Amino acid sequence: EMRITIPEDMKYFCKSELVSLYIQKYVQYRKRKVFYPVSG
């Protein structure tokens, strides 16, 4: 809405794997820039 383009090298740190996988709805998912704990 605010026309902000998120850089491709932006990193994502998520509470759980389930939350991290949801990012695929908006950006190409690359494990090298998505981090999460196994415990959630």
Full PDB file with SEQRES, HELIX, SHEET, SSBOND, CRYST1, ORIGX, SCALE, CONECT and MASTER records, all heavy atoms in Angstrom:
SEQRES   1 A   40  GLU MET ARG ILE THR ILE PRO GLU ASP MET LYS TYR PHE          
SEQRES   2 A   40  CYS LYS SER GLU LEU VAL SER LEU TYR ILE GLN LYS TYR          
SEQRES   3 A   40  VAL GLN TYR ARG LYS ARG LYS VAL PHE TYR PRO VAL SER          
SEQRES   4 A   40  GLY                                                          
HELIX    1 AA1 GLU A   17  TYR A   22  1                                   6    
HELIX    2 AA2 ILE A   23  LYS A   25  5                                   3    
HELIX    3 AA3 LYS A   31  LYS A   33  5                                   3    
SHEET    1 AA1 2 TYR A  12  PHE A  13  0                                        
SHEET    2 AA1 2 VAL A  34  PHE A  35  1                                        
CRYST1    1.000    1.000    1.000  90.00  90.00  90.00 P 1           1          
ORIGX1      1.000000  0.000000  0.000000        0.00000                         
ORIGX2      0.000000  1.000000  0.000000        0.00000                         
ORIGX3      0.000000  0.000000  1.000000        0.00000                         
SCALE1      1.000000  0.000000  0.000000        0.00000                         
SCALE2      0.000000  1.000000  0.000000        0.00000                         
SCALE3      0.000000  0.000000  1.000000        0.00000                         
ATOM      1  N   GLU A   1       0.819  -1.203   0.000  1.00  0.00           N  
ATOM      2  CA  GLU A   1       0.000   0.000   0.000  1.00  0.00           C  
ATOM      3  C   GLU A   1       0.861   1.266   0.000  1.00  0.00           C  
ATOM      4  O   GLU A   1       0.531   2.261  -0.648  1.00  0.00           O  
ATOM      5  CB  GLU A   1      -0.924  -0.001   1.221  1.00  0.00           C  
ATOM      6  CG  GLU A   1      -1.881   1.184   1.276  1.00  0.00           C  
ATOM      7  CD  GLU A   1      -2.776   1.168   2.503  1.00  0.00           C  
ATOM      8  OE1 GLU A   1      -2.876   0.108   3.160  1.00  0.00           O  
ATOM      9  OE2 GLU A   1      -3.367   2.214   2.817  1.00  0.00           O  
ATOM     10  N   MET A   2       1.977   1.219   0.728  1.00  0.00           N  
ATOM     11  CA  MET A   2       2.864   2.384   0.812  1.00  0.00           C  
ATOM     12  C   MET A   2       3.933   2.391  -0.287  1.00  0.00           C  
ATOM     13  O   MET A   2       4.814   3.226  -0.296  1.00  0.00           O  
ATOM     14  CB  MET A   2       3.527   2.413   2.194  1.00  0.00           C  
ATOM     15  CG  MET A   2       2.549   2.621   3.337  1.00  0.00           C  
ATOM     16  SD  MET A   2       3.360   2.873   4.948  1.00  0.00           S  
ATOM     17  CE  MET A   2       4.118   1.262   5.189  1.00  0.00           C  
ATOM     18  N   ARG A   3       3.843   1.412  -1.198  1.00  0.00           N  
ATOM     19  CA  ARG A   3       4.769   1.293  -2.330  1.00  0.00           C  
ATOM     20  C   ARG A   3       6.223   1.172  -1.873  1.00  0.00           C  
ATOM     21  O   ARG A   3       7.136   1.768  -2.452  1.00  0.00           O  
ATOM     22  CB  ARG A   3       4.599   2.482  -3.290  1.00  0.00           C  
ATOM     23  CG  ARG A   3       3.195   2.542  -3.893  1.00  0.00           C  
ATOM     24  CD  ARG A   3       3.031   3.691  -4.837  1.00  0.00           C  
ATOM     25  NE  ARG A   3       1.671   3.748  -5.365  1.00  0.00           N  
ATOM     26  CZ  ARG A   3       1.221   4.679  -6.193  1.00  0.00           C  
ATOM     27  NH1 ARG A   3       2.042   5.660  -6.599  1.00  0.00           N  
ATOM     28  NH2 ARG A   3      -0.030   4.664  -6.626  1.00  0.00           N  
ATOM     29  N   ILE A   4       6.399   0.386  -0.843  1.00  0.00           N  
ATOM     30  CA  ILE A   4       7.749   0.099  -0.344  1.00  0.00           C  
ATOM     31  C   ILE A   4       8.199  -1.221  -0.958  1.00  0.00           C  
ATOM     32  O   ILE A   4       7.541  -2.254  -0.783  1.00  0.00           O  
ATOM     33  CB  ILE A   4       7.762  -0.010   1.196  1.00  0.00           C  
ATOM     34  CG1 ILE A   4       7.388   1.327   1.829  1.00  0.00           C  
ATOM     35  CG2 ILE A   4       9.125  -0.487   1.699  1.00  0.00           C  
ATOM     36  CD1 ILE A   4       7.213   1.261   3.343  1.00  0.00           C  
ATOM     37  N   THR A   5       9.285  -1.210  -1.673  1.00  0.00           N  
ATOM     38  CA  THR A   5       9.829  -2.425  -2.274  1.00  0.00           C  
ATOM     39  C   THR A   5      10.863  -3.026  -1.330  1.00  0.00           C  
ATOM     40  O   THR A   5      11.880  -2.397  -1.020  1.00  0.00           O  
ATOM     41  CB  THR A   5      10.497  -2.124  -3.628  1.00  0.00           C  
ATOM     42  OG1 THR A   5       9.529  -1.533  -4.500  1.00  0.00           O  
ATOM     43  CG2 THR A   5      11.039  -3.397  -4.255  1.00  0.00           C  
ATOM     44  N   ILE A   6      10.592  -4.237  -0.871  1.00  0.00           N  
ATOM     45  CA  ILE A   6      11.500  -4.904   0.059  1.00  0.00           C  
ATOM     46  C   ILE A   6      12.697  -5.464  -0.719  1.00  0.00           C  
ATOM     47  O   ILE A   6      12.507  -6.209  -1.688  1.00  0.00           O  
ATOM     48  CB  ILE A   6      10.788  -6.046   0.807  1.00  0.00           C  
ATOM     49  CG1 ILE A   6       9.553  -5.516   1.537  1.00  0.00           C  
ATOM     50  CG2 ILE A   6      11.740  -6.716   1.792  1.00  0.00           C  
ATOM     51  CD1 ILE A   6       9.839  -4.439   2.555  1.00  0.00           C  
ATOM     52  N   PRO A   7      13.916  -5.122  -0.322  1.00  0.00           N  
ATOM     53  CA  PRO A   7      15.107  -5.616  -1.042  1.00  0.00           C  
ATOM     54  C   PRO A   7      15.182  -7.141  -1.032  1.00  0.00           C  
ATOM     55  O   PRO A   7      14.751  -7.790  -0.070  1.00  0.00           O  
ATOM     56  CB  PRO A   7      16.275  -5.017  -0.236  1.00  0.00           C  
ATOM     57  CG  PRO A   7      15.686  -3.878   0.526  1.00  0.00           C  
ATOM     58  CD  PRO A   7      14.266  -4.247   0.810  1.00  0.00           C  
ATOM     59  N   GLU A   8      15.734  -7.700  -2.095  1.00  0.00           N  
ATOM     60  CA  GLU A   8      15.832  -9.158  -2.199  1.00  0.00           C  
ATOM     61  C   GLU A   8      16.753  -9.752  -1.147  1.00  0.00           C  
ATOM     62  O   GLU A   8      16.641 -10.932  -0.805  1.00  0.00           O  
ATOM     63  CB  GLU A   8      16.309  -9.553  -3.605  1.00  0.00           C  
ATOM     64  CG  GLU A   8      15.257  -9.345  -4.681  1.00  0.00           C  
ATOM     65  CD  GLU A   8      15.679  -9.955  -6.008  1.00  0.00           C  
ATOM     66  OE1 GLU A   8      16.717 -10.646  -6.038  1.00  0.00           O  
ATOM     67  OE2 GLU A   8      14.965  -9.749  -7.006  1.00  0.00           O  
ATOM     68  N   ASP A   9      17.694  -8.953  -0.647  1.00  0.00           N  
ATOM     69  CA  ASP A   9      18.628  -9.484   0.353  1.00  0.00           C  
ATOM     70  C   ASP A   9      18.133  -9.292   1.789  1.00  0.00           C  
ATOM     71  O   ASP A   9      18.869  -9.539   2.751  1.00  0.00           O  
ATOM     72  CB  ASP A   9      20.012  -8.855   0.193  1.00  0.00           C  
ATOM     73  CG  ASP A   9      19.986  -7.339   0.371  1.00  0.00           C  
ATOM     74  OD1 ASP A   9      18.879  -6.765   0.478  1.00  0.00           O  
ATOM     75  OD2 ASP A   9      21.075  -6.732   0.397  1.00  0.00           O  
ATOM     76  N   MET A  10      16.883  -8.868   1.956  1.00  0.00           N  
ATOM     77  CA  MET A  10      16.310  -8.738   3.299  1.00  0.00           C  
ATOM     78  C   MET A  10      16.288 -10.113   3.969  1.00  0.00           C  
ATOM     79  O   MET A  10      15.962 -11.121   3.340  1.00  0.00           O  
ATOM     80  CB  MET A  10      14.888  -8.187   3.233  1.00  0.00           C  
ATOM     81  CG  MET A  10      14.238  -7.967   4.589  1.00  0.00           C  
ATOM     82  SD  MET A  10      14.965  -6.615   5.526  1.00  0.00           S  
ATOM     83  CE  MET A  10      14.156  -5.196   4.752  1.00  0.00           C  
ATOM     84  N   LYS A  11      16.643 -10.160   5.245  1.00  0.00           N  
ATOM     85  CA  LYS A  11      16.632 -11.415   5.990  1.00  0.00           C  
ATOM     86  C   LYS A  11      15.386 -11.479   6.871  1.00  0.00           C  
ATOM     87  O   LYS A  11      14.888 -10.457   7.333  1.00  0.00           O  
ATOM     88  CB  LYS A  11      17.892 -11.534   6.844  1.00  0.00           C  
ATOM     89  CG  LYS A  11      19.166 -11.660   6.025  1.00  0.00           C  
ATOM     90  CD  LYS A  11      20.402 -11.747   6.921  1.00  0.00           C  
ATOM     91  CE  LYS A  11      21.669 -11.850   6.078  1.00  0.00           C  
ATOM     92  NZ  LYS A  11      22.888 -11.862   6.918  1.00  0.00           N  
ATOM     93  N   TYR A  12      14.912 -12.707   7.098  1.00  0.00           N  
ATOM     94  CA  TYR A  12      13.699 -12.904   7.890  1.00  0.00           C  
ATOM     95  C   TYR A  12      13.980 -13.874   9.035  1.00  0.00           C  
ATOM     96  O   TYR A  12      14.487 -14.978   8.820  1.00  0.00           O  
ATOM     97  CB  TYR A  12      12.574 -13.447   7.012  1.00  0.00           C  
ATOM     98  CG  TYR A  12      12.257 -12.542   5.840  1.00  0.00           C  
ATOM     99  CD1 TYR A  12      12.789 -12.798   4.578  1.00  0.00           C  
ATOM    100  CD2 TYR A  12      11.455 -11.423   6.001  1.00  0.00           C  
ATOM    101  CE1 TYR A  12      12.520 -11.953   3.503  1.00  0.00           C  
ATOM    102  CE2 TYR A  12      11.180 -10.578   4.941  1.00  0.00           C  
ATOM    103  CZ  TYR A  12      11.718 -10.848   3.693  1.00  0.00           C  
ATOM    104  OH  TYR A  12      11.450 -10.009   2.628  1.00  0.00           O  
ATOM    105  N   PHE A  13      13.642 -13.462  10.250  1.00  0.00           N  
ATOM    106  CA  PHE A  13      13.823 -14.281  11.444  1.00  0.00           C  
ATOM    107  C   PHE A  13      12.437 -14.570  12.014  1.00  0.00           C  
ATOM    108  O   PHE A  13      11.694 -13.643  12.354  1.00  0.00           O  
ATOM    109  CB  PHE A  13      14.706 -13.560  12.461  1.00  0.00           C  
ATOM    110  CG  PHE A  13      16.134 -13.435  12.014  1.00  0.00           C  
ATOM    111  CD1 PHE A  13      16.500 -12.492  11.064  1.00  0.00           C  
ATOM    112  CD2 PHE A  13      17.116 -14.275  12.529  1.00  0.00           C  
ATOM    113  CE1 PHE A  13      17.816 -12.386  10.628  1.00  0.00           C  
ATOM    114  CE2 PHE A  13      18.437 -14.172  12.102  1.00  0.00           C  
ATOM    115  CZ  PHE A  13      18.786 -13.228  11.160  1.00  0.00           C  
ATOM    116  N   CYS A  14      12.076 -15.859  12.078  1.00  0.00           N  
ATOM    117  CA  CYS A  14      10.704 -16.248  12.407  1.00  0.00           C  
ATOM    118  C   CYS A  14      10.644 -17.092  13.675  1.00  0.00           C  
ATOM    119  O   CYS A  14      11.574 -17.835  13.991  1.00  0.00           O  
ATOM    120  CB  CYS A  14      10.089 -17.030  11.252  1.00  0.00           C  
ATOM    121  SG  CYS A  14      10.110 -16.122   9.683  1.00  0.00           S  
ATOM    122  N   LYS A  15       9.514 -16.989  14.358  1.00  0.00           N  
ATOM    123  CA  LYS A  15       9.321 -17.712  15.615  1.00  0.00           C  
ATOM    124  C   LYS A  15       9.355 -19.221  15.407  1.00  0.00           C  
ATOM    125  O   LYS A  15       9.816 -19.965  16.274  1.00  0.00           O  
ATOM    126  CB  LYS A  15       7.991 -17.302  16.243  1.00  0.00           C  
ATOM    127  CG  LYS A  15       7.683 -17.986  17.556  1.00  0.00           C  
ATOM    128  CD  LYS A  15       6.349 -17.535  18.116  1.00  0.00           C  
ATOM    129  CE  LYS A  15       6.033 -18.252  19.431  1.00  0.00           C  
ATOM    130  NZ  LYS A  15       4.733 -17.831  19.984  1.00  0.00           N  
ATOM    131  N   SER A  16       8.867 -19.687  14.251  1.00  0.00           N  
ATOM    132  CA  SER A  16       8.790 -21.128  14.007  1.00  0.00           C  
ATOM    133  C   SER A  16       8.913 -21.414  12.514  1.00  0.00           C  
ATOM    134  O   SER A  16       8.813 -20.516  11.679  1.00  0.00           O  
ATOM    135  CB  SER A  16       7.456 -21.683  14.524  1.00  0.00           C  
ATOM    136  OG  SER A  16       6.383 -21.159  13.742  1.00  0.00           O  
ATOM    137  N   GLU A  17       9.107 -22.676  12.195  1.00  0.00           N  
ATOM    138  CA  GLU A  17       9.177 -23.079  10.788  1.00  0.00           C  
ATOM    139  C   GLU A  17       7.841 -22.820  10.091  1.00  0.00           C  
ATOM    140  O   GLU A  17       7.804 -22.394   8.936  1.00  0.00           O  
ATOM    141  CB  GLU A  17       9.543 -24.558  10.671  1.00  0.00           C  
ATOM    142  CG  GLU A  17       9.679 -25.022   9.226  1.00  0.00           C  
ATOM    143  CD  GLU A  17      10.076 -26.483   9.104  1.00  0.00           C  
ATOM    144  OE1 GLU A  17       9.976 -27.223  10.106  1.00  0.00           O  
ATOM    145  OE2 GLU A  17      10.487 -26.888   7.993  1.00  0.00           O  
ATOM    146  N   LEU A  18       6.730 -23.069  10.802  1.00  0.00           N  
ATOM    147  CA  LEU A  18       5.409 -22.843  10.224  1.00  0.00           C  
ATOM    148  C   LEU A  18       5.240 -21.392   9.803  1.00  0.00           C  
ATOM    149  O   LEU A  18       4.734 -21.103   8.705  1.00  0.00           O  
ATOM    150  CB  LEU A  18       4.330 -23.231  11.243  1.00  0.00           C  
ATOM    151  CG  LEU A  18       2.890 -23.236  10.740  1.00  0.00           C  
ATOM    152  CD1 LEU A  18       2.704 -24.317   9.688  1.00  0.00           C  
ATOM    153  CD2 LEU A  18       1.921 -23.464  11.896  1.00  0.00           C  
ATOM    154  N   VAL A  19       5.658 -20.468  10.661  1.00  0.00           N  
ATOM    155  CA  VAL A  19       5.579 -19.047  10.328  1.00  0.00           C  
ATOM    156  C   VAL A  19       6.500 -18.729   9.155  1.00  0.00           C  
ATOM    157  O   VAL A  19       6.130 -18.008   8.225  1.00  0.00           O  
ATOM    158  CB  VAL A  19       5.945 -18.174  11.556  1.00  0.00           C  
ATOM    159  CG1 VAL A  19       6.038 -16.702  11.163  1.00  0.00           C  
ATOM    160  CG2 VAL A  19       4.919 -18.351  12.662  1.00  0.00           C  
ATOM    161  N   SER A  20       7.703 -19.307   9.156  1.00  0.00           N  
ATOM    162  CA  SER A  20       8.676 -19.011   8.092  1.00  0.00           C  
ATOM    163  C   SER A  20       8.165 -19.456   6.719  1.00  0.00           C  
ATOM    164  O   SER A  20       8.355 -18.762   5.720  1.00  0.00           O  
ATOM    165  CB  SER A  20      10.022 -19.677   8.392  1.00  0.00           C  
ATOM    166  OG  SER A  20       9.990 -21.068   8.128  1.00  0.00           O  
ATOM    167  N   LEU A  21       7.515 -20.601   6.667  1.00  0.00           N  
ATOM    168  CA  LEU A  21       7.019 -21.110   5.383  1.00  0.00           C  
ATOM    169  C   LEU A  21       5.934 -20.215   4.795  1.00  0.00           C  
ATOM    170  O   LEU A  21       5.750 -20.165   3.574  1.00  0.00           O  
ATOM    171  CB  LEU A  21       6.490 -22.541   5.556  1.00  0.00           C  
ATOM    172  CG  LEU A  21       7.541 -23.610   5.868  1.00  0.00           C  
ATOM    173  CD1 LEU A  21       6.881 -24.922   6.233  1.00  0.00           C  
ATOM    174  CD2 LEU A  21       8.479 -23.793   4.676  1.00  0.00           C  
ATOM    175  N   TYR A  22       5.222 -19.498   5.648  1.00  0.00           N  
ATOM    176  CA  TYR A  22       4.141 -18.622   5.192  1.00  0.00           C  
ATOM    177  C   TYR A  22       4.671 -17.439   4.385  1.00  0.00           C  
ATOM    178  O   TYR A  22       3.932 -16.848   3.595  1.00  0.00           O  
ATOM    179  CB  TYR A  22       3.348 -18.133   6.401  1.00  0.00           C  
ATOM    180  CG  TYR A  22       2.016 -17.504   6.063  1.00  0.00           C  
ATOM    181  CD1 TYR A  22       0.959 -18.273   5.589  1.00  0.00           C  
ATOM    182  CD2 TYR A  22       1.810 -16.138   6.221  1.00  0.00           C  
ATOM    183  CE1 TYR A  22      -0.267 -17.706   5.288  1.00  0.00           C  
ATOM    184  CE2 TYR A  22       0.584 -15.555   5.925  1.00  0.00           C  
ATOM    185  CZ  TYR A  22      -0.445 -16.345   5.465  1.00  0.00           C  
ATOM    186  OH  TYR A  22      -1.647 -15.764   5.160  1.00  0.00           O  
ATOM    187  N   ILE A  23       5.939 -17.107   4.565  1.00  0.00           N  
ATOM    188  CA  ILE A  23       6.543 -15.995   3.822  1.00  0.00           C  
ATOM    189  C   ILE A  23       6.482 -16.254   2.312  1.00  0.00           C  
ATOM    190  O   ILE A  23       6.440 -15.315   1.510  1.00  0.00           O  
ATOM    191  CB  ILE A  23       8.010 -15.770   4.271  1.00  0.00           C  
ATOM    192  CG1 ILE A  23       8.040 -15.342   5.742  1.00  0.00           C  
ATOM    193  CG2 ILE A  23       8.708 -14.712   3.417  1.00  0.00           C  
ATOM    194  CD1 ILE A  23       9.444 -15.227   6.316  1.00  0.00           C  
ATOM    195  N   GLN A  24       6.454 -17.540   1.927  1.00  0.00           N  
ATOM    196  CA  GLN A  24       6.411 -17.892   0.499  1.00  0.00           C  
ATOM    197  C   GLN A  24       5.206 -17.290  -0.212  1.00  0.00           C  
ATOM    198  O   GLN A  24       5.198 -17.187  -1.438  1.00  0.00           O  
ATOM    199  CB  GLN A  24       6.379 -19.418   0.349  1.00  0.00           C  
ATOM    200  CG  GLN A  24       7.630 -20.110   0.821  1.00  0.00           C  
ATOM    201  CD  GLN A  24       7.516 -21.613   0.679  1.00  0.00           C  
ATOM    202  OE1 GLN A  24       7.973 -22.188  -0.298  1.00  0.00           O  
ATOM    203  NE2 GLN A  24       6.898 -22.260   1.657  1.00  0.00           N  
ATOM    204  N   LYS A  25       4.208 -16.913   0.557  1.00  0.00           N  
ATOM    205  CA  LYS A  25       3.013 -16.291  -0.029  1.00  0.00           C  
ATOM    206  C   LYS A  25       3.368 -14.948  -0.673  1.00  0.00           C  
ATOM    207  O   LYS A  25       2.666 -14.490  -1.584  1.00  0.00           O  
ATOM    208  CB  LYS A  25       1.962 -16.100   1.063  1.00  0.00           C  
ATOM    209  CG  LYS A  25       0.646 -15.498   0.611  1.00  0.00           C  
ATOM    210  CD  LYS A  25      -0.348 -15.413   1.764  1.00  0.00           C  
ATOM    211  CE  LYS A  25      -1.649 -14.741   1.335  1.00  0.00           C  
ATOM    212  NZ  LYS A  25      -2.621 -14.639   2.458  1.00  0.00           N  
ATOM    213  N   TYR A  26       4.463 -14.339  -0.201  1.00  0.00           N  
ATOM    214  CA  TYR A  26       4.805 -12.988  -0.656  1.00  0.00           C  
ATOM    215  C   TYR A  26       6.165 -12.865  -1.341  1.00  0.00           C  
ATOM    216  O   TYR A  26       6.340 -11.985  -2.181  1.00  0.00           O  
ATOM    217  CB  TYR A  26       4.762 -12.018   0.538  1.00  0.00           C  
ATOM    218  CG  TYR A  26       3.391 -11.915   1.158  1.00  0.00           C  
ATOM    219  CD1 TYR A  26       3.050 -12.665   2.283  1.00  0.00           C  
ATOM    220  CD2 TYR A  26       2.416 -11.086   0.600  1.00  0.00           C  
ATOM    221  CE1 TYR A  26       1.784 -12.579   2.846  1.00  0.00           C  
ATOM    222  CE2 TYR A  26       1.149 -11.003   1.158  1.00  0.00           C  
ATOM    223  CZ  TYR A  26       0.834 -11.747   2.272  1.00  0.00           C  
ATOM    224  OH  TYR A  26      -0.425 -11.663   2.820  1.00  0.00           O  
ATOM    225  N   VAL A  27       7.120 -13.672  -0.956  1.00  0.00           N  
ATOM    226  CA  VAL A  27       8.457 -13.566  -1.561  1.00  0.00           C  
ATOM    227  C   VAL A  27       9.004 -14.954  -1.842  1.00  0.00           C  
ATOM    228  O   VAL A  27       8.542 -15.947  -1.279  1.00  0.00           O  
ATOM    229  CB  VAL A  27       9.459 -12.821  -0.638  1.00  0.00           C  
ATOM    230  CG1 VAL A  27       9.024 -11.390  -0.388  1.00  0.00           C  
ATOM    231  CG2 VAL A  27       9.647 -13.557   0.681  1.00  0.00           C  
ATOM    232  N   GLN A  28      10.005 -15.005  -2.716  1.00  0.00           N  
ATOM    233  CA  GLN A  28      10.658 -16.273  -3.011  1.00  0.00           C  
ATOM    234  C   GLN A  28      11.403 -16.748  -1.758  1.00  0.00           C  
ATOM    235  O   GLN A  28      12.184 -16.004  -1.172  1.00  0.00           O  
ATOM    236  CB  GLN A  28      11.648 -16.112  -4.167  1.00  0.00           C  
ATOM    237  CG  GLN A  28      12.262 -17.427  -4.615  1.00  0.00           C  
ATOM    238  CD  GLN A  28      13.165 -17.253  -5.824  1.00  0.00           C  
ATOM    239  OE1 GLN A  28      13.298 -16.159  -6.355  1.00  0.00           O  
ATOM    240  NE2 GLN A  28      13.799 -18.332  -6.256  1.00  0.00           N  
ATOM    241  N   TYR A  29      11.141 -17.966  -1.380  1.00  0.00           N  
ATOM    242  CA  TYR A  29      11.688 -18.501  -0.123  1.00  0.00           C  
ATOM    243  C   TYR A  29      13.091 -19.054  -0.352  1.00  0.00           C  
ATOM    244  O   TYR A  29      13.295 -19.949  -1.158  1.00  0.00           O  
ATOM    245  CB  TYR A  29      10.755 -19.598   0.377  1.00  0.00           C  
ATOM    246  CG  TYR A  29      11.072 -20.153   1.747  1.00  0.00           C  
ATOM    247  CD1 TYR A  29      10.441 -19.654   2.879  1.00  0.00           C  
ATOM    248  CD2 TYR A  29      11.984 -21.188   1.917  1.00  0.00           C  
ATOM    249  CE1 TYR A  29      10.698 -20.165   4.137  1.00  0.00           C  
ATOM    250  CE2 TYR A  29      12.251 -21.703   3.166  1.00  0.00           C  
ATOM    251  CZ  TYR A  29      11.604 -21.195   4.279  1.00  0.00           C  
ATOM    252  OH  TYR A  29      11.870 -21.716   5.529  1.00  0.00           O  
ATOM    253  N   ARG A  30      14.047 -18.473   0.356  1.00  0.00           N  
ATOM    254  CA  ARG A  30      15.413 -19.003   0.294  1.00  0.00           C  
ATOM    255  C   ARG A  30      15.874 -19.272   1.714  1.00  0.00           C  
ATOM    256  O   ARG A  30      15.877 -18.381   2.555  1.00  0.00           O  
ATOM    257  CB  ARG A  30      16.366 -17.984  -0.352  1.00  0.00           C  
ATOM    258  CG  ARG A  30      16.062 -17.685  -1.805  1.00  0.00           C  
ATOM    259  CD  ARG A  30      17.257 -16.983  -2.430  1.00  0.00           C  
ATOM    260  NE  ARG A  30      16.937 -16.486  -3.765  1.00  0.00           N  
ATOM    261  CZ  ARG A  30      16.632 -15.226  -4.036  1.00  0.00           C  
ATOM    262  NH1 ARG A  30      16.616 -14.342  -3.057  1.00  0.00           N  
ATOM    263  NH2 ARG A  30      16.378 -14.840  -5.264  1.00  0.00           N  
ATOM    264  N   LYS A  31      16.282 -20.499   1.976  1.00  0.00           N  
ATOM    265  CA  LYS A  31      16.661 -20.870   3.337  1.00  0.00           C  
ATOM    266  C   LYS A  31      17.849 -20.043   3.835  1.00  0.00           C  
ATOM    267  O   LYS A  31      18.010 -19.830   5.026  1.00  0.00           O  
ATOM    268  CB  LYS A  31      16.972 -22.361   3.417  1.00  0.00           C  
ATOM    269  CG  LYS A  31      15.730 -23.232   3.349  1.00  0.00           C  
ATOM    270  CD  LYS A  31      16.023 -24.671   3.680  1.00  0.00           C  
ATOM    271  CE  LYS A  31      14.736 -25.497   3.694  1.00  0.00           C  
ATOM    272  NZ  LYS A  31      14.981 -26.923   4.007  1.00  0.00           N  
ATOM    273  N   ARG A  32      18.663 -19.577   2.919  1.00  0.00           N  
ATOM    274  CA  ARG A  32      19.856 -18.840   3.353  1.00  0.00           C  
ATOM    275  C   ARG A  32      19.495 -17.489   3.966  1.00  0.00           C  
ATOM    276  O   ARG A  32      20.320 -16.876   4.633  1.00  0.00           O  
ATOM    277  CB  ARG A  32      20.818 -18.636   2.183  1.00  0.00           C  
ATOM    278  CG  ARG A  32      20.263 -17.798   1.058  1.00  0.00           C  
ATOM    279  CD  ARG A  32      21.299 -17.626  -0.059  1.00  0.00           C  
ATOM    280  NE  ARG A  32      20.761 -16.927  -1.210  1.00  0.00           N  
ATOM    281  CZ  ARG A  32      20.648 -15.607  -1.295  1.00  0.00           C  
ATOM    282  NH1 ARG A  32      21.009 -14.849  -0.275  1.00  0.00           N  
ATOM    283  NH2 ARG A  32      20.165 -15.043  -2.388  1.00  0.00           N  
ATOM    284  N   LYS A  33      18.267 -17.010   3.759  1.00  0.00           N  
ATOM    285  CA  LYS A  33      17.899 -15.724   4.352  1.00  0.00           C  
ATOM    286  C   LYS A  33      16.678 -15.821   5.269  1.00  0.00           C  
ATOM    287  O   LYS A  33      16.137 -14.814   5.683  1.00  0.00           O  
ATOM    288  CB  LYS A  33      17.652 -14.678   3.261  1.00  0.00           C  
ATOM    289  CG  LYS A  33      16.452 -14.941   2.365  1.00  0.00           C  
ATOM    290  CD  LYS A  33      16.253 -13.780   1.392  1.00  0.00           C  
ATOM    291  CE  LYS A  33      15.010 -13.994   0.551  1.00  0.00           C  
ATOM    292  NZ  LYS A  33      14.778 -12.885  -0.389  1.00  0.00           N  
ATOM    293  N   VAL A  34      16.254 -17.054   5.566  1.00  0.00           N  
ATOM    294  CA  VAL A  34      15.145 -17.270   6.489  1.00  0.00           C  
ATOM    295  C   VAL A  34      15.642 -18.130   7.652  1.00  0.00           C  
ATOM    296  O   VAL A  34      16.203 -19.197   7.439  1.00  0.00           O  
ATOM    297  CB  VAL A  34      13.950 -17.957   5.800  1.00  0.00           C  
ATOM    298  CG1 VAL A  34      12.811 -18.166   6.784  1.00  0.00           C  
ATOM    299  CG2 VAL A  34      13.475 -17.135   4.617  1.00  0.00           C  
ATOM    300  N   PHE A  35      15.431 -17.646   8.874  1.00  0.00           N  
ATOM    301  CA  PHE A  35      15.967 -18.324  10.049  1.00  0.00           C  
ATOM    302  C   PHE A  35      14.843 -18.553  11.068  1.00  0.00           C  
ATOM    303  O   PHE A  35      13.973 -17.702  11.233  1.00  0.00           O  
ATOM    304  CB  PHE A  35      17.074 -17.479  10.696  1.00  0.00           C  
ATOM    305  CG  PHE A  35      18.150 -17.063   9.729  1.00  0.00           C  
ATOM    306  CD1 PHE A  35      18.007 -15.888   8.979  1.00  0.00           C  
ATOM    307  CD2 PHE A  35      19.297 -17.824   9.562  1.00  0.00           C  
ATOM    308  CE1 PHE A  35      18.997 -15.502   8.080  1.00  0.00           C  
ATOM    309  CE2 PHE A  35      20.290 -17.441   8.674  1.00  0.00           C  
ATOM    310  CZ  PHE A  35      20.142 -16.280   7.931  1.00  0.00           C  
ATOM    311  N   TYR A  36      14.895 -19.696  11.752  1.00  0.00           N  
ATOM    312  CA  TYR A  36      13.886 -20.001  12.770  1.00  0.00           C  
ATOM    313  C   TYR A  36      14.429 -21.086  13.704  1.00  0.00           C  
ATOM    314  O   TYR A  36      15.282 -21.887  13.313  1.00  0.00           O  
ATOM    315  CB  TYR A  36      12.581 -20.487  12.127  1.00  0.00           C  
ATOM    316  CG  TYR A  36      12.756 -21.694  11.238  1.00  0.00           C  
ATOM    317  CD1 TYR A  36      12.714 -22.986  11.768  1.00  0.00           C  
ATOM    318  CD2 TYR A  36      12.980 -21.554   9.869  1.00  0.00           C  
ATOM    319  CE1 TYR A  36      12.893 -24.100  10.965  1.00  0.00           C  
ATOM    320  CE2 TYR A  36      13.163 -22.660   9.052  1.00  0.00           C  
ATOM    321  CZ  TYR A  36      13.115 -23.925   9.606  1.00  0.00           C  
ATOM    322  OH  TYR A  36      13.297 -25.029   8.819  1.00  0.00           O  
ATOM    323  N   PRO A  37      13.955 -21.128  14.948  1.00  0.00           N  
ATOM    324  CA  PRO A  37      14.364 -22.181  15.882  1.00  0.00           C  
ATOM    325  C   PRO A  37      13.495 -23.421  15.702  1.00  0.00           C  
ATOM    326  O   PRO A  37      12.312 -23.304  15.392  1.00  0.00           O  
ATOM    327  CB  PRO A  37      14.136 -21.545  17.254  1.00  0.00           C  
ATOM    328  CG  PRO A  37      12.982 -20.617  17.022  1.00  0.00           C  
ATOM    329  CD  PRO A  37      13.114 -20.110  15.601  1.00  0.00           C  
ATOM    330  N   VAL A  38      14.063 -24.581  15.892  1.00  0.00           N  
ATOM    331  CA  VAL A  38      13.316 -25.828  15.760  1.00  0.00           C  
ATOM    332  C   VAL A  38      12.206 -25.899  16.810  1.00  0.00           C  
ATOM    333  O   VAL A  38      11.122 -26.427  16.555  1.00  0.00           O  
ATOM    334  CB  VAL A  38      14.265 -27.041  15.914  1.00  0.00           C  
ATOM    335  CG1 VAL A  38      13.474 -28.351  15.897  1.00  0.00           C  
ATOM    336  CG2 VAL A  38      15.305 -27.048  14.799  1.00  0.00           C  
ATOM    337  N   SER A  39      12.451 -25.320  17.986  1.00  0.00           N  
ATOM    338  CA  SER A  39      11.493 -25.413  19.091  1.00  0.00           C  
ATOM    339  C   SER A  39      10.236 -24.580  18.882  1.00  0.00           C  
ATOM    340  O   SER A  39       9.205 -24.826  19.501  1.00  0.00           O  
ATOM    341  CB  SER A  39      12.166 -24.961  20.392  1.00  0.00           C  
ATOM    342  OG  SER A  39      12.470 -23.573  20.332  1.00  0.00           O  
ATOM    343  N   GLY A  40      10.317 -23.546  18.012  1.00  0.00           N  
ATOM    344  CA  GLY A  40       9.177 -22.651  17.833  1.00  0.00           C  
ATOM    345  C   GLY A  40       9.024 -21.655  18.964  1.00  0.00           C  
ATOM    346  O   GLY A  40       7.953 -21.073  19.138  1.00  0.00           O  
TER     347      GLY A  40                                                      
MASTER        0    0    0    3    2    0    0    6  346    1    0    4          
END                                                                             
